[in-house]
């Protein structure tokens, strides 16, 4: 990987003229339904185009949703089939199970299973840690667990910010666990915010990028109302299912 990657979207490259530093950790923060995965997918697409591989955590979506996001930025699933390992969050199993050549199911509420899933995925990708990005949305959902919420939060802190063996891009919602989200925001190398105005216009702002120049003004993001509503409906459908399940564990 290069020392920086350019993200390939003119409006975003204007804000990050030097590119996004790698390796680094990025947190995309904002209220629920404010389009955070759309920004995360831009970074994921740029990473893959630069020759990297990815462990994609499916916490609040399925792989089809991620593939739709990548397709918006011109990436075909077949083109990067062996560069992405999907890790589907399954709270009903005990450990990590390989389902398909590029799909694992894992109960990543448990810290040891999170570690197991990451290492299994890395080995299957046959890639070095420095060449892999950890990508996911709706990390907050894991914190709803009464048994594992605090423990898995601490484990993610270790993986992302203490050990720093991987680059990462994760989105978190400010609509729940505000104190925990503020901790993640403070620790991340790069911090970005999204918000919605009147449910139809998405706004984006970069608060911090360590090691590279950036523009801090808030901008309107050029996504259509139809795109924003369709993607929100899909994630809402998953969230209504998964949060009640996790809250009982």
Foldseek 3Di string as FASTA:
>chain_A
DDQFWALQDVVACQFFVVHAGPQFEEEEEEAALQCSVLVLLSVVLRLVVVPFAEEEEAEQADVVLSQVSNVVVPDHCVVCVLRYAYEYADCVDDAWDDDDLRYIYGPLLDLVRVVVVVVVNCVSSVDFQRRYEYEYEAPVLSLLAPVRNVVSLVSVCCVRAVVPSHRYYYYHHCPPPVVSVVVVQVRGQWYKYWDDDPQFWIKIATDHHPPGGGDGDIDIDPDGSVVSVVSSVRSVVRCVPRNVVNNVD
